[in-house]
PDB file of N, CA and C in Angstrom:
ATOM      1  N   MET A   1       0.725  -1.458   0.222  1.00  0.00           N
ATOM      2  CA  MET A   1       0.347   0.508  -0.009  1.00  0.00           C
ATOM      3  C   MET A   1       0.865   1.428   0.232  1.00  0.00           C
ATOM      4  N   MET A   2       0.376   2.617  -0.996  1.00  0.00           N
ATOM      5  CA  MET A   2       0.970   3.477  -0.647  1.00  0.00           C
ATOM      6  C   MET A   2       0.645   4.502  -0.513  1.00  0.00           C
ATOM      7  N   GLY A   3       1.212   5.270   0.301  1.00  0.00           N
ATOM      8  CA  GLY A   3       0.851   6.626   0.989  1.00  0.00           C
ATOM      9  C   GLY A   3       1.395   7.879   0.184  1.00  0.00           C
ATOM     10  N   ILE A   4       1.065   9.094   0.795  1.00  0.00           N
ATOM     11  CA  ILE A   4       1.075  10.528   0.272  1.00  0.00           C
ATOM     12  C   ILE A   4       2.222  11.387   1.025  1.00  0.00           C
ATOM     13  N   ILE A   5       3.549  11.163   1.520  1.00  0.00           N
ATOM     14  CA  ILE A   5       3.236  12.516   2.332  1.00  0.00           C
ATOM     15  C   ILE A   5       3.239  13.678   2.558  1.00  0.00           C
ATOM     16  N   SER A   6       2.415  14.547   2.998  1.00  0.00           N
ATOM     17  CA  SER A   6       1.166  16.113   3.009  1.00  0.00           C
ATOM     18  C   SER A   6       2.219  16.755   3.693  1.00  0.00           C
ATOM     19  N   HIS A   7       2.796  16.871   4.721  1.00  0.00           N
ATOM     20  CA  HIS A   7       3.304  18.082   5.401  1.00  0.00           C
ATOM     21  C   HIS A   7       4.231  17.423   6.809  1.00  0.00           C
ATOM     22  N   PHE A   8       4.643  17.794   7.036  1.00  0.00           N
ATOM     23  CA  PHE A   8       5.624  18.018   8.518  1.00  0.00           C
ATOM     24  C   PHE A   8       4.482  18.067   9.656  1.00  0.00           C
ATOM     25  N   ARG A   9       4.525  17.510  10.560  1.00  0.00           N
ATOM     26  CA  ARG A   9       3.594  17.776  11.803  1.00  0.00           C
ATOM     27  C   ARG A   9       4.567  18.648  12.327  1.00  0.00           C
ATOM     28  N   GLY A  10       3.860  19.810  13.468  1.00  0.00           N
ATOM     29  CA  GLY A  10       4.722  20.841  13.826  1.00  0.00           C
ATOM     30  C   GLY A  10       3.404  22.228  14.183  1.00  0.00           C
ATOM     31  N   SER A  11       4.289  23.664  14.467  1.00  0.00           N
ATOM     32  CA  SER A  11       3.678  24.405  15.018  1.00  0.00           C
ATOM     33  C   SER A  11       4.077  25.546  13.342  1.00  0.00           C
ATOM     34  N   PHE A  12       3.751  26.800  14.160  1.00  0.00           N
ATOM     35  CA  PHE A  12       3.773  27.681  12.653  1.00  0.00           C
ATOM     36  C   PHE A  12       5.086  27.999  12.850  1.00  0.00           C
ATOM     37  N   ARG A  13       6.011  27.784  13.809  1.00  0.00           N
ATOM     38  CA  ARG A  13       7.286  28.024  14.306  1.00  0.00           C
ATOM     39  C   ARG A  13       8.630  27.362  14.150  1.00  0.00           C
ATOM     40  N   ARG A  14       7.781  25.805  15.225  1.00  0.00           N
ATOM     41  CA  ARG A  14       8.602  24.467  15.191  1.00  0.00           C
ATOM     42  C   ARG A  14       7.994  23.645  14.338  1.00  0.00           C
ATOM     43  N   LYS A  15       9.051  22.768  13.677  1.00  0.00           N
ATOM     44  CA  LYS A  15       8.310  21.763  12.757  1.00  0.00           C
ATOM     45  C   LYS A  15       8.940  20.351  13.285  1.00  0.00           C
ATOM     46  N   LYS A  16       8.824  19.329  13.686  1.00  0.00           N
ATOM     47  CA  LYS A  16       9.337  17.890  13.436  1.00  0.00           C
ATOM     48  C   LYS A  16       9.534  17.591  12.786  1.00  0.00           C
ATOM     49  N   GLY A  17      11.166  17.345  12.444  1.00  0.00           N
ATOM     50  CA  GLY A  17      11.418  17.191  11.406  1.00  0.00           C
ATOM     51  C   GLY A  17      11.608  15.211  11.073  1.00  0.00           C
ATOM     52  N   ASN A  18      11.314  14.677  12.433  1.00  0.00           N
ATOM     53  CA  ASN A  18      10.497  12.626  12.220  1.00  0.00           C
ATOM     54  C   ASN A  18       9.259  12.653  12.240  1.00  0.00           C
ATOM     55  N   GLN A  19       8.682  13.425  12.412  1.00  0.00           N
ATOM     56  CA  GLN A  19       7.210  13.532  12.552  1.00  0.00           C
ATOM     57  C   GLN A  19       6.236  13.572  11.447  1.00  0.00           C
ATOM     58  N   LEU A  20       5.929  12.921  10.764  1.00  0.00           N
ATOM     59  CA  LEU A  20       4.635  14.166   9.121  1.00  0.00           C
ATOM     60  C   LEU A  20       3.645  13.222   9.196  1.00  0.00           C
ATOM     61  N   VAL A  21       3.212  14.110   8.339  1.00  0.00           N
ATOM     62  CA  VAL A  21       1.763  13.147   7.836  1.00  0.00           C
ATOM     63  C   VAL A  21       1.572  12.816   6.836  1.00  0.00           C
ATOM     64  N   VAL A  22       0.678  11.577   6.540  1.00  0.00           N
ATOM     65  CA  VAL A  22       1.285  10.883   5.439  1.00  0.00           C
ATOM     66  C   VAL A  22      -0.913  10.894   5.186  1.00  0.00           C
ATOM     67  N   VAL A  23      -0.691  10.471   4.043  1.00  0.00           N
ATOM     68  CA  VAL A  23      -2.229  10.711   3.726  1.00  0.00           C
ATOM     69  C   VAL A  23      -2.707   9.173   2.456  1.00  0.00           C
ATOM     70  N   VAL A  24      -3.382   8.822   2.521  1.00  0.00           N
ATOM     71  CA  VAL A  24      -3.459   7.345   1.907  1.00  0.00           C
ATOM     72  C   VAL A  24      -4.673   7.495   1.318  1.00  0.00           C
ATOM     73  N   PRO A  25      -4.209   7.232  -0.091  1.00  0.00           N
ATOM     74  CA  PRO A  25      -5.499   7.678  -1.108  1.00  0.00           C
ATOM     75  C   PRO A  25      -6.324   6.642  -0.699  1.00  0.00           C
ATOM     76  N   GLY A  26      -7.938   6.929  -1.292  1.00  0.00           N
ATOM     77  CA  GLY A  26      -8.820   5.412  -0.683  1.00  0.00           C
ATOM     78  C   GLY A  26      -8.865   5.749   0.618  1.00  0.00           C
ATOM     79  N   VAL A  27      -8.635   6.124   1.655  1.00  0.00           N
ATOM     80  CA  VAL A  27      -9.052   5.946   2.980  1.00  0.00           C
ATOM     81  C   VAL A  27      -9.175   7.434   3.368  1.00  0.00           C
ATOM     82  N   ASP A  28     -10.395   7.827   3.814  1.00  0.00           N
ATOM     83  CA  ASP A  28     -11.133   8.710   3.945  1.00  0.00           C
ATOM     84  C   ASP A  28     -11.978   8.873   5.185  1.00  0.00           C
ATOM     85  N   LYS A  29     -11.804   8.303   5.990  1.00  0.00           N
ATOM     86  CA  LYS A  29     -12.662   7.591   7.893  1.00  0.00           C
ATOM     87  C   LYS A  29     -11.567   7.288   8.017  1.00  0.00           C
ATOM     88  N   ARG A  30     -12.186   8.175   9.757  1.00  0.00           N
ATOM     89  CA  ARG A  30     -11.372   7.814  10.956  1.00  0.00           C
ATOM     90  C   ARG A  30     -11.483   6.072  11.017  1.00  0.00           C
ATOM     91  N   ASP A  31     -12.197   5.370  10.860  1.00  0.00           N
ATOM     92  CA  ASP A  31     -12.038   4.098  11.218  1.00  0.00           C
ATOM     93  C   ASP A  31     -11.345   3.477   9.919  1.00  0.00           C
ATOM     94  N   LYS A  32     -11.058   3.516   9.160  1.00  0.00           N
ATOM     95  CA  LYS A  32     -10.775   2.878   7.967  1.00  0.00           C
ATOM     96  C   LYS A  32      -9.240   2.807   8.697  1.00  0.00           C
ATOM     97  N   ALA A  33      -8.429   4.568   8.406  1.00  0.00           N
ATOM     98  CA  ALA A  33      -7.210   4.639   9.026  1.00  0.00           C
ATOM     99  C   ALA A  33      -6.682   3.722  10.392  1.00  0.00           C
ATOM    100  N   GLN A  34      -8.179   3.509  11.521  1.00  0.00           N
ATOM    101  CA  GLN A  34      -7.691   2.953  12.565  1.00  0.00           C
ATOM    102  C   GLN A  34      -6.893   1.197  12.266  1.00  0.00           C
ATOM    103  N   SER A  35      -7.043   0.927  11.517  1.00  0.00           N
ATOM    104  CA  SER A  35      -6.645  -0.415  11.078  1.00  0.00           C
ATOM    105  C   SER A  35      -5.115  -0.452  10.997  1.00  0.00           C
ATOM    106  N   LEU A  36      -4.055   0.803  10.109  1.00  0.00           N
ATOM    107  CA  LEU A  36      -2.882   1.368   9.728  1.00  0.00           C
ATOM    108  C   LEU A  36      -2.241   1.533  10.995  1.00  0.00           C
ATOM    109  N   ILE A  37      -2.334   1.682  12.124  1.00  0.00           N
ATOM    110  CA  ILE A  37      -1.933   2.422  12.993  1.00  0.00           C
ATOM    111  C   ILE A  37      -0.886   1.007  13.995  1.00  0.00           C
ATOM    112  N   GLY A  38       0.372   0.965  13.727  1.00  0.00           N
ATOM    113  CA  GLY A  38       1.216   0.039  14.203  1.00  0.00           C
ATOM    114  C   GLY A  38       1.993  -0.448  13.189  1.00  0.00           C
ATOM    115  N   LYS A  39       1.897  -0.096  12.118  1.00  0.00           N
ATOM    116  CA  LYS A  39       2.413  -0.477  10.657  1.00  0.00           C
ATOM    117  C   LYS A  39       3.552  -0.152  10.281  1.00  0.00           C
ATOM    118  N   SER A  40       4.172  -0.588   9.719  1.00  0.00           N
ATOM    119  CA  SER A  40       5.371   0.326   9.632  1.00  0.00           C
ATOM    120  C   SER A  40       5.561   0.794   7.865  1.00  0.00           C
ATOM    121  N   ALA A  41       6.129   2.219   7.688  1.00  0.00           N
ATOM    122  CA  ALA A  41       6.561   2.337   7.016  1.00  0.00           C
ATOM    123  C   ALA A  41       7.928   2.958   6.369  1.00  0.00           C
ATOM    124  N   VAL A  42       8.054   2.780   4.854  1.00  0.00           N
ATOM    125  CA  VAL A  42       9.573   3.056   4.707  1.00  0.00           C
ATOM    126  C   VAL A  42       9.805   4.373   3.342  1.00  0.00           C
ATOM    127  N   TRP A  43      10.000   4.999   3.086  1.00  0.00           N
ATOM    128  CA  TRP A  43      10.472   6.129   2.102  1.00  0.00           C
ATOM    129  C   TRP A  43      11.816   5.994   1.964  1.00  0.00           C
ATOM    130  N   THR A  44      11.766   5.735   0.814  1.00  0.00           N
ATOM    131  CA  THR A  44      13.434   5.575  -0.162  1.00  0.00           C
ATOM    132  C   THR A  44      14.110   6.742  -0.968  1.00  0.00           C
ATOM    133  N   ALA A  45      15.102   7.661  -0.778  1.00  0.00           N
ATOM    134  CA  ALA A  45      15.177   8.588  -1.101  1.00  0.00           C
ATOM    135  C   ALA A  45      15.775   8.639  -3.275  1.00  0.00           C
ATOM    136  N   PRO A  46      15.142   9.498  -3.784  1.00  0.00           N
ATOM    137  CA  PRO A  46      15.903   8.973  -4.738  1.00  0.00           C
ATOM    138  C   PRO A  46      16.977   9.361  -5.065  1.00  0.00           C
ATOM    139  N   GLY A  47      18.012   8.776  -6.306  1.00  0.00           N
ATOM    140  CA  GLY A  47      19.266   9.170  -6.260  1.00  0.00           C
ATOM    141  C   GLY A  47      20.051   7.690  -6.533  1.00  0.00           C
ATOM    142  N   LYS A  48      21.207   7.338  -6.959  1.00  0.00           N
ATOM    143  CA  LYS A  48      21.814   6.551  -6.760  1.00  0.00           C
ATOM    144  C   LYS A  48      22.013   6.095  -5.772  1.00  0.00           C
ATOM    145  N   GLN A  49      22.391   6.683  -4.188  1.00  0.00           N
ATOM    146  CA  GLN A  49      22.258   5.143  -2.551  1.00  0.00           C
ATOM    147  C   GLN A  49      20.727   4.337  -3.102  1.00  0.00           C
ATOM    148  N   LYS A  50      19.774   5.313  -2.478  1.00  0.00           N
ATOM    149  CA  LYS A  50      18.025   4.553  -2.694  1.00  0.00           C
ATOM    150  C   LYS A  50      18.591   4.267  -1.239  1.00  0.00           C
ATOM    151  N   THR A  51      18.771   5.152  -0.691  1.00  0.00           N
ATOM    152  CA  THR A  51      18.673   5.105   1.290  1.00  0.00           C
ATOM    153  C   THR A  51      17.642   4.909   1.504  1.00  0.00           C
ATOM    154  N   ALA A  52      16.770   4.291   2.452  1.00  0.00           N
ATOM    155  CA  ALA A  52      15.913   3.824   2.830  1.00  0.00           C
ATOM    156  C   ALA A  52      15.613   3.924   5.033  1.00  0.00           C
ATOM    157  N   ILE A  53      14.914   5.172   4.631  1.00  0.00           N
ATOM    158  CA  ILE A  53      14.143   5.378   6.290  1.00  0.00           C
ATOM    159  C   ILE A  53      12.942   4.992   6.146  1.00  0.00           C
ATOM    160  N   LYS A  54      13.215   4.462   7.881  1.00  0.00           N
ATOM    161  CA  LYS A  54      11.689   3.380   7.851  1.00  0.00           C
ATOM    162  C   LYS A  54      11.195   4.550   9.509  1.00  0.00           C
ATOM    163  N   GLY A  55       9.935   3.975   9.343  1.00  0.00           N
ATOM    164  CA  GLY A  55       8.916   4.677  10.506  1.00  0.00           C
ATOM    165  C   GLY A  55       8.073   3.817  10.459  1.00  0.00           C
ATOM    166  N   LYS A  56       7.336   4.091  11.827  1.00  0.00           N
ATOM    167  CA  LYS A  56       5.668   3.239  12.137  1.00  0.00           C
ATOM    168  C   LYS A  56       4.566   4.317  12.155  1.00  0.00           C
ATOM    169  N   ILE A  57       3.741   4.163  12.150  1.00  0.00           N
ATOM    170  CA  ILE A  57       2.054   4.940  11.695  1.00  0.00           C
ATOM    171  C   ILE A  57       2.372   4.858  13.583  1.00  0.00           C
ATOM    172  N   SER A  58       2.054   5.760  14.110  1.00  0.00           N
ATOM    173  CA  SER A  58       1.685   6.172  15.530  1.00  0.00           C
ATOM    174  C   SER A  58       0.538   6.406  15.940  1.00  0.00           C
ATOM    175  N   ALA A  59      -0.205   7.145  15.024  1.00  0.00           N
ATOM    176  CA  ALA A  59      -1.598   7.552  15.694  1.00  0.00           C
ATOM    177  C   ALA A  59      -2.169   8.357  14.536  1.00  0.00           C
ATOM    178  N   LEU A  60      -3.691   8.643  14.550  1.00  0.00           N
ATOM    179  CA  LEU A  60      -4.132   9.332  13.379  1.00  0.00           C
ATOM    180  C   LEU A  60      -4.018  11.127  13.407  1.00  0.00           C
ATOM    181  N   HIS A  61      -4.471  11.725  12.769  1.00  0.00           N
ATOM    182  CA  HIS A  61      -4.277  13.239  12.182  1.00  0.00           C
ATOM    183  C   HIS A  61      -5.111  13.751  12.160  1.00  0.00           C
ATOM    184  N   GLY A  62      -6.280  14.237  12.698  1.00  0.00           N
ATOM    185  CA  GLY A  62      -7.455  14.138  12.082  1.00  0.00           C
ATOM    186  C   GLY A  62      -8.799  13.272  12.249  1.00  0.00           C
ATOM    187  N   ASN A  63      -9.831  13.770  12.090  1.00  0.00           N
ATOM    188  CA  ASN A  63     -10.678  13.311  11.043  1.00  0.00           C
ATOM    189  C   ASN A  63     -11.287  12.500   9.970  1.00  0.00           C
ATOM    190  N   LYS A  64     -10.089  12.856   8.972  1.00  0.00           N
ATOM    191  CA  LYS A  64     -10.130  12.564   7.087  1.00  0.00           C
ATOM    192  C   LYS A  64      -9.159  11.586   7.081  1.00  0.00           C
ATOM    193  N   GLY A  65      -9.016  10.500   7.944  1.00  0.00           N
ATOM    194  CA  GLY A  65      -7.589   9.875   7.430  1.00  0.00           C
ATOM    195  C   GLY A  65      -6.738   9.761   7.448  1.00  0.00           C
ATOM    196  N   ALA A  66      -6.180  10.878   8.036  1.00  0.00           N
ATOM    197  CA  ALA A  66      -4.634  11.156   8.092  1.00  0.00           C
ATOM    198  C   ALA A  66      -3.567  10.497   8.665  1.00  0.00           C
ATOM    199  N   LEU A  67      -2.772  10.383   9.184  1.00  0.00           N
ATOM    200  CA  LEU A  67      -2.225   9.251   9.609  1.00  0.00           C
ATOM    201  C   LEU A  67      -0.553  10.346  10.026  1.00  0.00           C
ATOM    202  N   ARG A  68      -0.037   9.348  11.694  1.00  0.00           N
ATOM    203  CA  ARG A  68       1.123  10.615  11.666  1.00  0.00           C
ATOM    204  C   ARG A  68       2.161   9.056  11.568  1.00  0.00           C
ATOM    205  N   VAL A  69       3.155   9.706  11.001  1.00  0.00           N
ATOM    206  CA  VAL A  69       3.877   8.414  10.905  1.00  0.00           C
ATOM    207  C   VAL A  69       5.633   9.387  11.597  1.00  0.00           C
ATOM    208  N   ILE A  70       5.748   8.626  12.549  1.00  0.00           N
ATOM    209  CA  ILE A  70       7.600   8.813  13.232  1.00  0.00           C
ATOM    210  C   ILE A  70       8.402   8.214  12.463  1.00  0.00           C
ATOM    211  N   PHE A  71       9.309   8.780  12.207  1.00  0.00           N
ATOM    212  CA  PHE A  71      10.369   8.301  11.429  1.00  0.00           C
ATOM    213  C   PHE A  71      11.779   8.121  12.592  1.00  0.00           C
ATOM    214  N   GLU A  72      12.892   7.261  12.319  1.00  0.00           N
ATOM    215  CA  GLU A  72      13.432   7.040  12.618  1.00  0.00           C
ATOM    216  C   GLU A  72      14.685   7.979  12.994  1.00  0.00           C
ATOM    217  N   ARG A  73      14.431   8.779  11.195  1.00  0.00           N
ATOM    218  CA  ARG A  73      15.850  10.190  11.705  1.00  0.00           C
ATOM    219  C   ARG A  73      14.613  11.094  11.133  1.00  0.00           C
ATOM    220  N   GLY A  74      15.340  12.410  10.845  1.00  0.00           N
ATOM    221  CA  GLY A  74      14.854  13.759  10.133  1.00  0.00           C
ATOM    222  C   GLY A  74      14.549  13.121   8.493  1.00  0.00           C
ATOM    223  N   LEU A  75      13.708  13.782   7.792  1.00  0.00           N
ATOM    224  CA  LEU A  75      13.025  13.610   6.123  1.00  0.00           C
ATOM    225  C   LEU A  75      13.780  14.970   5.493  1.00  0.00           C
ATOM    226  N   PRO A  76      14.090  14.550   4.837  1.00  0.00           N
ATOM    227  CA  PRO A  76      14.655  16.267   3.815  1.00  0.00           C
ATOM    228  C   PRO A  76      13.164  16.848   3.798  1.00  0.00           C
ATOM    229  N   GLY A  77      13.261  17.686   3.165  1.00  0.00           N
ATOM    230  CA  GLY A  77      12.234  19.073   3.061  1.00  0.00           C
ATOM    231  C   GLY A  77      11.463  18.049   1.007  1.00  0.00           C
ATOM    232  N   GLN A  78      12.261  17.768   0.907  1.00  0.00           N
ATOM    233  CA  GLN A  78      12.210  16.946  -0.547  1.00  0.00           C
ATOM    234  C   GLN A  78      11.253  16.098  -0.114  1.00  0.00           C
ATOM    235  N   SER A  79      10.976  15.552   0.357  1.00  0.00           N
ATOM    236  CA  SER A  79      10.343  14.377   1.106  1.00  0.00           C
ATOM    237  C   SER A  79       9.169  14.581   0.720  1.00  0.00           C
ATOM    238  N   LEU A  80       8.718  15.668   0.688  1.00  0.00           N
ATOM    239  CA  LEU A  80       6.924  15.886   1.185  1.00  0.00           C
ATOM    240  C   LEU A  80       6.624  16.054  -0.456  1.00  0.00           C
ATOM    241  N   GLY A  81       5.499  15.088  -0.588  1.00  0.00           N
ATOM    242  CA  GLY A  81       4.600  15.205  -2.245  1.00  0.00           C
ATOM    243  C   GLY A  81       4.753  13.641  -2.213  1.00  0.00           C
ATOM    244  N   GLU A  82       5.751  12.630  -2.116  1.00  0.00           N
ATOM    245  CA  GLU A  82       6.475  11.668  -2.648  1.00  0.00           C
ATOM    246  C   GLU A  82       5.659  10.669  -1.751  1.00  0.00           C
ATOM    247  N   GLU A  83       6.455   9.582  -1.843  1.00  0.00           N
ATOM    248  CA  GLU A  83       5.211   8.167  -2.090  1.00  0.00           C
ATOM    249  C   GLU A  83       6.337   7.537  -0.682  1.00  0.00           C
ATOM    250  N   VAL A  84       5.775   6.970  -0.012  1.00  0.00           N
ATOM    251  CA  VAL A  84       5.599   6.068   1.318  1.00  0.00           C
ATOM    252  C   VAL A  84       5.086   4.906   0.671  1.00  0.00           C
ATOM    253  N   LYS A  85       6.109   3.950   1.261  1.00  0.00           N
ATOM    254  CA  LYS A  85       5.149   2.447   0.751  1.00  0.00           C
ATOM    255  C   LYS A  85       5.191   1.720   2.666  1.00  0.00           C
ATOM    256  N   ILE A  86       3.770   1.432   2.729  1.00  0.00           N
ATOM    257  CA  ILE A  86       2.821   1.070   4.245  1.00  0.00           C
ATOM    258  C   ILE A  86       3.072   0.155   4.669  1.00  0.00           C
ATOM    259  N   GLU A  87       3.307  -0.767   5.164  1.00  0.00           N
ATOM    260  CA  GLU A  87       3.709  -2.473   5.092  1.00  0.00           C
ATOM    261  C   GLU A  87       3.090  -3.446   5.811  1.00  0.00           C
TER     262      GLU A  87
END
């Protein structure tokens, strides 16, 4: 299953680099998104090295089915709008 990174989680002035909000196409209700909590997410960096950064879906973000994912280290700003693989 693939999800799209929507934005970083954080306030107006401070962003948390390792916590991102992910939207999964087809999941538009809180009930559907609840079943994805606890699964792992992997983002692969573009380029020659194809570095993979792993994370875990920790909670819901709002009532429209968005997910909060905590990665093991911060993601670059280039990751916004990119796909993440949910396993």
